[in-house]
Amino acid sequence: MWNENQKITWEDFRGKPVRSASFVASTNTGISFQYSIKNGDMSVEYSVQSFFYPEGSWYIPERVNPYILKHEQAHFDVSELHARMLRKKLEGRTFSKKIKSEIEGIYQQIEQKRRAMQTKFDAETDHSRNEEKEIFWQKYITNQLAEYDAWK
């Protein structure tokens, strides 16, 4: 689970390295989302967490450094950002009788945005190799997390 006071370390990466990949590390993160509907009053109780999959995350030990670990942490931060976006969208929301499909739709919309941002982050930074873009993205992600601070 994401924690602002605890960054990921290389020890957290337990997956088998993919030595044929064009990059030296891969972080597997996402959002877990559970909800229950209270019958009658159309209200929802929900739990949203961003998470890191150690078994699905890997690195090539002899080819990584702290700079690359910071890039991998940013992937985890992107998932946390979208968890906050989901909490914001659900907070105090009134639903119709189609509550389940509305909730699922909101989740799918946020998840699609999360995946797109992860892809764009890697594409623009060339998996951290473009240092100028990496600096831009690190600042952007930090600023976005601060903007959604109320939903952490």
Protein backbone atom coordinates (compact mmCIF):
# COMPACT_ATOMS: atom_id res chain seq x y z
CA MET A 1 0.00 0.00 0.00
CA TRP A 2 1.24 3.52 -0.82
CA ASN A 3 2.64 5.51 2.09
CA GLU A 4 4.02 9.02 1.72
CA ASN A 5 6.58 8.34 4.46
CA GLN A 6 7.82 5.06 3.02
CA LYS A 7 9.27 4.86 -0.47
CA ILE A 8 9.81 1.60 -2.32
CA THR A 9 13.26 0.01 -2.25
CA TRP A 10 14.90 -2.49 -4.58
CA GLU A 11 14.19 -5.16 -1.94
CA ASP A 12 10.47 -4.67 -2.68
CA PHE A 13 11.00 -5.88 -6.26
CA ARG A 14 10.68 -9.67 -6.12
CA GLY A 15 9.79 -10.58 -9.72
CA LYS A 16 12.16 -12.34 -12.09
CA PRO A 17 14.13 -9.81 -14.19
CA VAL A 18 13.23 -9.63 -17.88
CA ARG A 19 16.72 -9.29 -19.32
CA SER A 20 15.43 -9.01 -22.89
CA ALA A 21 13.38 -5.87 -22.05
CA SER A 22 14.46 -2.48 -23.40
CA PHE A 23 14.37 -1.08 -19.83
CA VAL A 24 16.09 -2.17 -16.61
CA ALA A 25 13.19 -2.21 -14.12
CA SER A 26 9.43 -2.55 -14.07
CA THR A 27 6.98 -1.54 -11.36
CA ASN A 28 3.60 -3.22 -11.16
CA THR A 29 1.11 -0.99 -9.33
CA GLY A 30 -2.61 -0.36 -9.38
CA ILE A 31 -5.72 0.60 -7.47
CA SER A 32 -7.80 -1.74 -5.33
CA PHE A 33 -11.40 -0.69 -5.03
CA GLN A 34 -14.13 -2.26 -2.91
CA TYR A 35 -17.58 -0.97 -2.20
CA SER A 36 -20.87 -1.96 -0.62
CA ILE A 37 -24.28 -0.49 -1.29
CA LYS A 38 -26.60 0.31 1.59
CA ASN A 39 -30.06 -0.89 0.57
CA GLY A 40 -32.78 1.67 0.38
CA ASP A 41 -30.96 4.97 0.63
CA MET A 42 -28.66 4.57 -2.40
CA SER A 43 -25.52 5.29 -0.39
CA VAL A 44 -22.18 3.61 -0.80
CA GLU A 45 -19.38 2.65 1.54
CA TYR A 46 -16.09 2.24 -0.27
CA SER A 47 -12.39 1.64 0.18
CA VAL A 48 -9.77 2.78 -2.34
CA GLN A 49 -6.08 1.93 -2.03
CA SER A 50 -3.11 2.18 -4.33
CA PHE A 51 -0.85 -0.83 -4.17
CA PHE A 52 2.48 -2.22 -5.32
CA TYR A 53 2.81 -5.85 -6.49
CA PRO A 54 6.27 -7.09 -5.37
CA GLU A 55 6.00 -10.34 -7.36
CA GLY A 56 5.10 -8.46 -10.56
CA SER A 57 7.88 -5.88 -10.15
CA TRP A 58 11.46 -6.58 -11.20
CA TYR A 59 14.85 -5.01 -11.87
CA ILE A 60 18.23 -5.96 -13.27
CA PRO A 61 20.54 -5.43 -10.25
CA GLU A 62 23.73 -4.54 -12.11
CA ARG A 63 21.97 -1.94 -14.29
CA VAL A 64 19.94 0.13 -11.80
CA ASN A 65 20.69 3.11 -9.55
CA PRO A 66 18.86 5.50 -7.18
CA TYR A 67 17.75 7.67 -10.13
CA ILE A 68 15.93 4.71 -11.71
CA LEU A 69 14.39 3.77 -8.36
CA LYS A 70 12.97 7.32 -8.16
CA HIS A 71 11.41 6.78 -11.61
CA GLU A 72 9.86 3.52 -10.41
CA GLN A 73 8.54 5.26 -7.27
CA ALA A 74 6.88 7.81 -9.57
CA HIS A 75 4.91 4.97 -11.19
CA PHE A 76 3.61 4.05 -7.72
CA ASP A 77 2.85 7.74 -7.09
CA VAL A 78 0.79 7.88 -10.31
CA SER A 79 -1.37 5.05 -8.99
CA GLU A 80 -1.77 6.88 -5.67
CA LEU A 81 -2.77 10.04 -7.55
CA HIS A 82 -5.53 8.15 -9.35
CA ALA A 83 -6.70 6.51 -6.11
CA ARG A 84 -7.16 10.05 -4.77
CA MET A 85 -9.01 11.07 -7.94
CA LEU A 86 -11.35 8.11 -7.47
CA ARG A 87 -12.00 9.02 -3.82
CA LYS A 88 -12.76 12.59 -4.87
CA LYS A 89 -15.22 11.46 -7.56
CA LEU A 90 -17.05 9.18 -5.11
CA GLU A 91 -17.08 11.51 -2.11
CA GLY A 92 -20.58 12.65 -1.23
CA ARG A 93 -21.91 11.53 -4.61
CA THR A 94 -25.60 10.76 -5.04
CA PHE A 95 -26.39 7.76 -7.18
CA SER A 96 -29.47 6.68 -9.10
CA LYS A 97 -31.03 3.21 -9.03
CA LYS A 98 -28.26 2.12 -11.42
CA ILE A 99 -25.75 2.58 -8.64
CA LYS A 100 -23.58 -0.46 -9.46
CA SER A 101 -23.05 0.48 -13.12
CA GLU A 102 -22.43 4.12 -12.16
CA ILE A 103 -19.74 3.14 -9.64
CA GLU A 104 -18.14 0.67 -12.05
CA GLY A 105 -18.17 3.34 -14.77
CA ILE A 106 -16.40 5.87 -12.53
CA TYR A 107 -13.79 3.27 -11.56
CA GLN A 108 -13.18 2.25 -15.19
CA GLN A 109 -12.81 5.90 -16.25
CA ILE A 110 -10.18 6.56 -13.56
CA GLU A 111 -8.39 3.26 -14.27
CA GLN A 112 -8.21 4.10 -17.98
CA LYS A 113 -6.70 7.51 -17.13
CA ARG A 114 -4.22 5.87 -14.74
CA ARG A 115 -3.02 3.41 -17.36
CA ALA A 116 -2.76 6.16 -19.99
CA MET A 117 -0.70 8.35 -17.65
CA GLN A 118 1.65 5.46 -16.82
CA THR A 119 2.21 4.83 -20.54
CA LYS A 120 2.70 8.53 -21.30
CA PHE A 121 5.16 8.90 -18.40
CA ASP A 122 7.34 6.08 -19.75
CA ALA A 123 7.01 7.23 -23.37
CA GLU A 124 7.95 10.86 -22.67
CA THR A 125 10.79 10.03 -20.29
CA ASP A 126 11.94 7.07 -22.41
CA HIS A 127 11.78 4.92 -19.25
CA SER A 128 13.80 7.58 -17.33
CA ARG A 129 16.51 8.02 -20.01
CA ASN A 130 15.30 11.52 -20.97
CA GLU A 131 16.49 13.42 -17.90
CA GLU A 132 14.82 16.72 -18.82
CA LYS A 133 11.41 15.05 -19.20
CA GLU A 134 12.03 13.00 -16.07
CA ILE A 135 12.51 16.20 -14.05
CA PHE A 136 9.32 17.65 -15.56
CA TRP A 137 7.29 14.52 -14.73
CA GLN A 138 8.66 14.23 -11.18
CA LYS A 139 7.54 17.82 -10.48
CA TYR A 140 4.20 17.30 -12.23
CA ILE A 141 3.37 14.13 -10.25
CA THR A 142 4.40 15.77 -6.95
CA ASN A 143 2.23 18.81 -7.73
CA GLN A 144 -0.74 16.63 -8.70
CA LEU A 145 -0.46 14.63 -5.47
CA ALA A 146 -0.47 17.90 -3.52
CA GLU A 147 -3.52 19.08 -5.44
CA TYR A 148 -5.40 15.94 -4.36
CA ASP A 149 -3.98 15.96 -0.83
CA ALA A 150 -7.46 16.18 0.72
CA TRP A 151 -8.29 12.71 -0.68
CA LYS A 152 -5.28 10.75 0.57
